[in-house]
Each structure stands twice: as structure tokens, then as C-alpha cells.
Amino acid sequence: MSRASLEKKPAEVAHMFDGVAKRYDVTNTVLSFGQDKLWRRNTRKLLGLQPGEKVLDLAAGTAVSTVELAKSGAWCVAADFSQGMLAAGKDRDVPKVTADGMFLPFKDNTFDAVTISFGLRNIVDFRAALREMARVTKPGGRLVLCEFSTPTWKPFRIIYMEYLMKALPWVASKVSSNPDAYVYLAESIRAWPNQQQMVQELKAAGWSENVHYVNQTGGIVALHYAELPQD
């Protein structure tokens, strides 16, 4: 068993995700009560992709999110730090690249749009990753960040936090190949910025146009949309 610390050392994070890769998709569907499929679909819709556009799906894991994005007709590439995760999605017919979110192997102004789902939270310097995503995106390009966030209704928020710290690790022990990783998941969600704080982080990283968010499932997840300034 392995898990990463909240220091998010890259080798620890990669090793942890390699360890959960085999049953990652099934575990996520169980833990989210099937909401993960809705969140992926809404991410695609919010990004507003057009046929022929180039799209980076960062922290794509097994590329299930990349396949959803490709339904738009856009050309979509899956990039992830964990080779084990990409290998687990080898049968998904989209291009895949091993990549560090803080040092992307792409030229400036390559993509029309970029998205990252449940991955920014796992990067040691997420602010650097936001700037790096801006570097590889064309002026006026779009970003959708799909990430766990803060439930908006206080009674539900209390129940949700109890679920994170107690029920989630127990459920993961029944379905995941590495339950310890889901203890890290719960802790990292609790430590993550809320919706308004993330708006400010996006603006500070250069994603300063049309910044807004759409809560999903009562704020358990938030989809943050932002654009780069035009030249």
C-alpha cells in the first residue's frame, strides 16, 4: 500500500496513482455514486469545444475524460504524470503523453483549450501548473478546471466532510486496489481552496477573462471556467 503526503512530492504522487490505476475508474464511480460521468459530460459542454480544435486534457489518468472530450470532434490528447494510469487506459483510442503539469512538453500557444479534472490538487505547485497551462494555450483560449470543492449548504457540508474522513476510506477499502490512497484524497480535498478562492488563483495565473464557476452536486465539485486575454 502507498499514499502521498500533502507535500505532494512528485515521486510519491506518481507511485500512488500507479498503485490505484487498475481499478481507478470503477472506484471513482462507486465513491461518487455515479456522478463522475455527469461531471465529465458537463466539463465537455462548458468548454464549448468545436470540431478541429486542439485540446489538452491534463492529469487525464486512464483517458476516460479525454474520450468524453473527443465526442465534440476536437483533437484531444491525454497527458498524465502516472505512466501506470495511462497504461490502464491503453485501449482508449486517444493520443497519450507522459507529462509533468509544471513542465509541459508542448510549445507555446499550442492548444485552443485545456482542461484538468481532479488533478490540479495533486500537483506540488498548482499555481505553476496554471501558468504552464496558460503558456501552452493560445491567446483567448479556454480552461475548465473540474475539481472537488466546498458544498454550499452548511448542513450538507458537515455531512460531506464526515463522509470524506470516515466513510470514503472504508468504501475504498472494499473496491480500490490501494485504499490508503483515498485517505490522501480525503485530506487533500479538505485542504483545497473553495470556489471563490480558486477564482482569484485563476486570475493571478493569467486566466483573467470571463472567470466563473458552476457548482455540481451541491458544491461537492465545481467547474471553473476561464479564458486567456486576447493579444
Protein backbone atom coordinates (compact mmCIF):
# COMPACT_ATOMS: atom_id res chain seq x y z
CA MET A 1 0.00 0.00 0.00
CA SER A 2 1.14 3.56 -0.62
CA ARG A 3 -0.17 7.07 -0.34
CA ALA A 4 1.24 10.51 -0.93
CA SER A 5 1.69 13.12 1.76
CA LEU A 6 0.11 16.55 1.46
CA GLU A 7 3.57 17.81 0.50
CA LYS A 8 2.73 16.17 -2.86
CA LYS A 9 6.22 15.01 -3.71
CA PRO A 10 6.07 14.05 -7.39
CA ALA A 11 7.53 10.55 -6.98
CA GLU A 12 5.08 9.76 -4.17
CA VAL A 13 2.10 11.01 -6.17
CA ALA A 14 3.09 9.08 -9.30
CA HIS A 15 3.70 5.88 -7.32
CA MET A 16 0.38 6.23 -5.51
CA PHE A 17 -1.59 6.65 -8.73
CA ASP A 18 0.29 3.80 -10.38
CA GLY A 19 -0.98 1.70 -7.48
CA VAL A 20 -4.67 2.58 -7.97
CA ALA A 21 -4.67 2.57 -11.77
CA LYS A 22 -6.13 -0.90 -12.29
CA ARG A 23 -9.45 -0.20 -10.50
CA TYR A 24 -9.36 3.60 -10.61
CA ASP A 25 -12.39 4.16 -12.86
CA VAL A 26 -14.59 1.66 -11.04
CA THR A 27 -13.62 3.05 -7.63
CA ASN A 28 -14.41 6.63 -8.67
CA THR A 29 -17.83 5.65 -9.98
CA VAL A 30 -18.65 3.85 -6.72
CA LEU A 31 -17.37 6.63 -4.46
CA SER A 32 -19.20 9.35 -6.41
CA PHE A 33 -22.45 7.34 -6.65
CA GLY A 34 -22.13 7.54 -10.44
CA GLN A 35 -21.85 11.34 -10.53
CA ASP A 36 -18.40 11.20 -12.15
CA LYS A 37 -19.98 10.57 -15.55
CA LEU A 38 -22.16 13.67 -15.20
CA TRP A 39 -19.19 15.79 -14.15
CA ARG A 40 -17.20 14.68 -17.21
CA ARG A 41 -20.09 15.41 -19.56
CA ASN A 42 -20.67 18.86 -18.06
CA THR A 43 -16.96 19.65 -18.33
CA ARG A 44 -17.10 18.96 -22.05
CA LYS A 45 -20.20 21.08 -22.50
CA LEU A 46 -18.81 24.03 -20.54
CA LEU A 47 -15.57 24.01 -22.50
CA GLY A 48 -17.59 24.57 -25.70
CA LEU A 49 -15.30 22.56 -27.96
CA GLN A 50 -15.56 22.72 -31.73
CA PRO A 51 -14.53 20.12 -34.34
CA GLY A 52 -10.90 20.56 -35.32
CA GLU A 53 -9.79 22.37 -32.17
CA LYS A 54 -6.76 21.10 -30.26
CA VAL A 55 -7.40 20.27 -26.62
CA LEU A 56 -5.10 19.26 -23.78
CA ASP A 57 -6.60 17.01 -21.12
CA LEU A 58 -4.09 17.27 -18.29
CA ALA A 59 -4.00 14.74 -15.45
CA ALA A 60 -6.15 12.60 -17.72
CA GLY A 61 -5.43 9.38 -15.86
CA THR A 62 -6.86 6.44 -17.80
CA ALA A 63 -8.10 8.85 -20.51
CA VAL A 64 -11.79 8.28 -19.77
CA SER A 65 -12.17 12.08 -19.59
CA THR A 66 -10.30 12.52 -22.88
CA VAL A 67 -12.69 10.16 -24.66
CA GLU A 68 -15.59 12.24 -23.37
CA LEU A 69 -13.97 15.45 -24.65
CA ALA A 70 -13.31 13.87 -28.05
CA LYS A 71 -17.06 13.38 -28.56
CA SER A 72 -17.06 17.06 -29.58
CA GLY A 73 -14.99 16.33 -32.69
CA ALA A 74 -11.99 18.17 -31.29
CA TRP A 75 -8.50 16.61 -31.35
CA CYS A 76 -7.78 15.73 -27.73
CA VAL A 77 -4.56 14.50 -26.13
CA ALA A 78 -4.37 12.85 -22.71
CA ALA A 79 -1.42 13.86 -20.56
CA ASP A 80 -0.61 12.42 -17.15
CA PHE A 81 2.33 12.11 -14.77
CA SER A 82 1.50 8.49 -13.93
CA GLN A 83 2.55 6.01 -16.59
CA GLY A 84 0.54 3.36 -14.78
CA MET A 85 -2.65 5.36 -15.22
CA LEU A 86 -2.03 5.90 -18.92
CA ALA A 87 -1.23 2.21 -19.35
CA ALA A 88 -4.53 1.29 -17.66
CA GLY A 89 -6.29 3.28 -20.40
CA LYS A 90 -4.26 1.83 -23.26
CA ASP A 91 -7.37 0.58 -25.05
CA ARG A 92 -8.89 4.07 -25.24
CA ASP A 93 -8.22 5.39 -28.73
CA VAL A 94 -6.84 8.85 -28.00
CA PRO A 95 -3.22 10.09 -28.08
CA LYS A 96 -1.45 9.85 -24.73
CA VAL A 97 1.64 11.62 -23.39
CA THR A 98 3.51 11.28 -20.10
CA ALA A 99 3.83 14.82 -18.79
CA ASP A 100 4.58 16.80 -15.64
CA GLY A 101 1.95 19.52 -15.15
CA MET A 102 4.60 22.04 -14.14
CA PHE A 103 6.82 21.38 -17.19
CA LEU A 104 4.56 20.53 -20.11
CA PRO A 105 6.27 19.09 -23.22
CA PHE A 106 4.40 21.37 -25.63
CA LYS A 107 5.27 24.59 -27.44
CA ASP A 108 3.76 27.95 -26.56
CA ASN A 109 0.28 28.64 -27.96
CA THR A 110 -0.38 25.03 -29.00
CA PHE A 111 -3.92 24.42 -27.76
CA ASP A 112 -7.28 26.09 -28.23
CA ALA A 113 -8.45 24.80 -24.87
CA VAL A 114 -7.19 22.92 -21.83
CA THR A 115 -8.91 21.05 -19.05
CA ILE A 116 -7.83 19.27 -15.89
CA SER A 117 -10.16 17.11 -13.82
CA PHE A 118 -9.34 16.16 -10.23
CA GLY A 119 -5.64 16.59 -10.92
CA LEU A 120 -4.62 20.15 -10.10
CA ARG A 121 -4.96 19.34 -6.40
CA ASN A 122 -2.25 16.68 -6.76
CA ILE A 123 0.42 18.89 -8.33
CA VAL A 124 3.09 20.09 -5.89
CA ASP A 125 2.82 23.71 -7.15
CA PHE A 126 -0.65 24.10 -8.65
CA ARG A 127 -0.07 27.79 -9.34
CA ALA A 128 2.90 26.92 -11.55
CA ALA A 129 0.71 24.38 -13.33
CA LEU A 130 -1.95 27.01 -14.02
CA ARG A 131 0.71 29.28 -15.51
CA GLU A 132 2.11 26.41 -17.57
CA MET A 133 -1.33 25.60 -18.94
CA ALA A 134 -1.65 29.27 -19.91
CA ARG A 135 1.71 29.10 -21.71
CA VAL A 136 0.67 26.22 -23.98
CA THR A 137 -2.78 27.70 -24.72
CA LYS A 138 -3.42 30.24 -27.48
CA PRO A 139 -4.45 33.82 -26.63
CA GLY A 140 -8.18 33.83 -25.99
CA GLY A 141 -8.08 30.10 -25.22
CA ARG A 142 -10.30 28.45 -22.61
CA LEU A 143 -9.79 26.46 -19.46
CA VAL A 144 -12.19 24.33 -17.46
CA LEU A 145 -11.00 23.14 -14.08
CA CYS A 146 -13.09 20.28 -12.69
CA GLU A 147 -12.18 19.77 -9.06
CA PHE A 148 -13.59 18.87 -5.67
CA SER A 149 -14.73 21.97 -3.83
CA THR A 150 -16.83 23.14 -0.87
CA PRO A 151 -20.55 22.27 -0.53
CA THR A 152 -22.57 25.46 -0.31
CA TRP A 153 -25.25 24.35 2.19
CA LYS A 154 -23.78 24.13 5.68
CA PRO A 155 -25.69 21.04 6.93
CA PHE A 156 -24.75 19.16 3.77
CA ARG A 157 -21.15 20.38 4.08
CA ILE A 158 -20.90 18.87 7.57
CA ILE A 159 -22.28 15.53 6.38
CA TYR A 160 -19.96 15.55 3.38
CA MET A 161 -16.86 16.20 5.46
CA GLU A 162 -17.80 13.31 7.73
CA TYR A 163 -18.19 11.10 4.65
CA LEU A 164 -14.78 12.16 3.37
CA MET A 165 -12.88 11.33 6.53
CA LYS A 166 -14.78 8.23 7.66
CA ALA A 167 -16.97 6.58 5.04
CA LEU A 168 -14.84 7.23 1.94
CA PRO A 169 -11.75 5.33 3.17
CA TRP A 170 -13.98 2.46 4.31
CA VAL A 171 -15.74 2.21 0.94
CA ALA A 172 -12.38 2.46 -0.84
CA SER A 173 -11.14 -0.50 1.20
CA LYS A 174 -13.84 -2.62 -0.47
CA VAL A 175 -13.30 -1.59 -4.09
CA SER A 176 -9.87 0.03 -4.53
CA SER A 177 -6.54 -1.70 -5.16
CA ASN A 178 -4.93 0.84 -2.79
CA PRO A 179 -7.34 2.12 -0.10
CA ASP A 180 -4.62 4.19 1.59
CA ALA A 181 -4.60 6.49 -1.44
CA TYR A 182 -8.15 7.52 -0.62
CA VAL A 183 -7.12 8.72 2.83
CA TYR A 184 -4.84 11.14 1.00
CA LEU A 185 -7.76 12.00 -1.30
CA ALA A 186 -9.95 12.97 1.64
CA GLU A 187 -7.23 15.04 3.30
CA SER A 188 -6.30 16.85 0.08
CA ILE A 189 -9.93 17.77 -0.60
CA ARG A 190 -10.29 19.29 2.88
CA ALA A 191 -7.17 21.39 2.30
CA TRP A 192 -8.19 22.66 -1.16
CA PRO A 193 -9.28 26.29 -1.83
CA ASN A 194 -13.01 26.96 -2.03
CA GLN A 195 -14.81 28.27 -5.11
CA GLN A 196 -14.14 31.99 -4.62
CA GLN A 197 -10.53 31.41 -3.65
CA MET A 198 -9.98 29.43 -6.83
CA VAL A 199 -11.41 32.28 -8.90
CA GLN A 200 -8.66 34.50 -7.51
CA GLU A 201 -6.00 31.87 -8.15
CA LEU A 202 -7.05 31.59 -11.79
CA LYS A 203 -6.92 35.33 -12.31
CA ALA A 204 -3.49 35.57 -10.69
CA ALA A 205 -2.16 32.86 -13.03
CA GLY A 206 -3.25 34.78 -16.14
CA TRP A 207 -6.66 33.20 -16.69
CA SER A 208 -8.27 36.57 -16.14
CA GLU A 209 -11.16 36.75 -18.62
CA ASN A 210 -14.75 35.59 -18.07
CA VAL A 211 -13.85 33.71 -14.90
CA HIS A 212 -16.79 31.96 -13.26
CA TYR A 213 -17.79 28.62 -11.83
CA VAL A 214 -20.70 26.22 -11.87
CA ASN A 215 -21.29 24.07 -8.80
CA GLN A 216 -22.00 20.38 -9.31
CA THR A 217 -23.84 18.14 -6.84
CA GLY A 218 -24.32 20.88 -4.27
CA GLY A 219 -20.74 22.13 -4.50
CA ILE A 220 -19.01 18.78 -3.94
CA VAL A 221 -17.41 19.58 -7.29
CA ALA A 222 -17.02 22.93 -9.02
CA LEU A 223 -16.37 23.57 -12.70
CA HIS A 224 -14.29 26.73 -13.03
CA TYR A 225 -14.26 28.34 -16.49
CA ALA A 226 -11.72 30.97 -17.53
CA GLU A 227 -10.17 32.43 -20.65
CA LEU A 228 -6.83 33.96 -21.51
CA PRO A 229 -6.76 37.59 -22.70
CA GLN A 230 -6.66 38.14 -26.45
CA ASP A 231 -3.47 39.61 -27.90
